[in-house]
Amino acid sequence: MGLLGDVRDILRSLKHRKPSKVYCPKCASPNIHVSSGFDYWLVPVKYVCDNCGYVGPIFMELEKEESKKGLS
């Protein structure tokens, strides 16, 4: 089930993924937040960085790498 198994593994990892911390794409600061309460449902999401003043729809996420068991 090569391809189907791979897709199933990807969907399973997305479904059970914990929320990750977001960072500013300009200065890598964790002090970034959504610009208003209307974001997500009325207007496109905009993030605002408190450190450098970045405003935009792009942000960075950091995820822990999973260890590859059984690979040598």
Protein backbone atom coordinates (compact mmCIF):
# COMPACT_ATOMS: atom_id res chain seq x y z
CA MET A 1 0.00 0.00 0.00
CA GLY A 2 2.91 2.33 -0.68
CA LEU A 3 1.28 5.61 -1.68
CA LEU A 4 -1.94 5.07 0.26
CA GLY A 5 0.00 4.15 3.39
CA ASP A 6 2.15 7.28 3.07
CA VAL A 7 -0.91 9.52 2.69
CA ARG A 8 -2.56 7.86 5.67
CA ASP A 9 0.56 8.45 7.81
CA ILE A 10 0.66 12.12 6.81
CA LEU A 11 -3.03 12.64 7.61
CA ARG A 12 -2.63 10.88 10.94
CA SER A 13 0.30 13.12 11.91
CA LEU A 14 -1.64 16.26 10.96
CA LYS A 15 -4.70 15.19 12.88
CA HIS A 16 -2.82 14.60 16.13
CA ARG A 17 -0.36 17.46 15.84
CA LYS A 18 -0.05 19.70 18.86
CA PRO A 19 -0.26 23.46 18.28
CA SER A 20 3.17 24.80 17.58
CA LYS A 21 4.67 28.14 18.58
CA VAL A 22 4.59 30.85 15.90
CA TYR A 23 7.46 33.23 15.16
CA CYS A 24 7.94 36.39 13.13
CA PRO A 25 9.37 35.66 9.65
CA LYS A 26 11.35 38.91 9.69
CA CYS A 27 13.11 38.88 13.09
CA ALA A 28 12.24 35.37 14.44
CA SER A 29 10.65 36.83 17.58
CA PRO A 30 7.98 34.82 19.40
CA ASN A 31 6.16 38.10 20.18
CA ILE A 32 3.74 37.81 17.24
CA HIS A 33 -0.04 37.81 17.43
CA VAL A 34 -3.15 37.97 15.23
CA SER A 35 -4.03 41.56 14.38
CA SER A 36 -7.74 41.49 15.29
CA GLY A 37 -10.61 39.35 16.45
CA PHE A 38 -12.18 39.46 12.99
CA ASP A 39 -9.32 37.46 11.51
CA TYR A 40 -10.01 33.83 10.61
CA TRP A 41 -13.70 34.27 9.84
CA LEU A 42 -14.30 37.68 8.26
CA VAL A 43 -10.99 38.82 6.78
CA PRO A 44 -7.72 37.04 5.96
CA VAL A 45 -5.41 36.53 8.94
CA LYS A 46 -2.72 39.17 9.52
CA TYR A 47 -0.01 38.73 12.11
CA VAL A 48 1.67 41.63 13.91
CA CYS A 49 5.14 41.44 15.47
CA ASP A 50 5.66 43.51 18.61
CA ASN A 51 9.46 43.62 18.15
CA CYS A 52 10.02 44.69 14.54
CA GLY A 53 6.57 45.89 13.47
CA TYR A 54 6.03 43.22 10.81
CA VAL A 55 2.43 42.99 9.57
CA GLY A 56 1.42 40.24 7.17
CA PRO A 57 -0.18 36.87 6.59
CA ILE A 58 3.01 34.80 6.84
CA PHE A 59 4.49 33.35 10.03
CA MET A 60 7.03 30.68 10.95
CA GLU A 61 6.41 27.52 12.97
CA LEU A 62 9.00 25.37 14.68
CA GLU A 63 8.35 21.68 15.12
CA LYS A 64 10.36 19.07 16.93
CA GLU A 65 11.87 16.52 14.58
CA GLU A 66 10.71 12.99 15.21
CA SER A 67 13.47 10.46 15.61
CA LYS A 68 13.65 7.88 12.86
CA LYS A 69 13.58 4.51 14.60
CA GLY A 70 15.04 1.54 12.80
CA LEU A 71 17.11 3.57 10.35
CA SER A 72 20.86 3.15 10.43
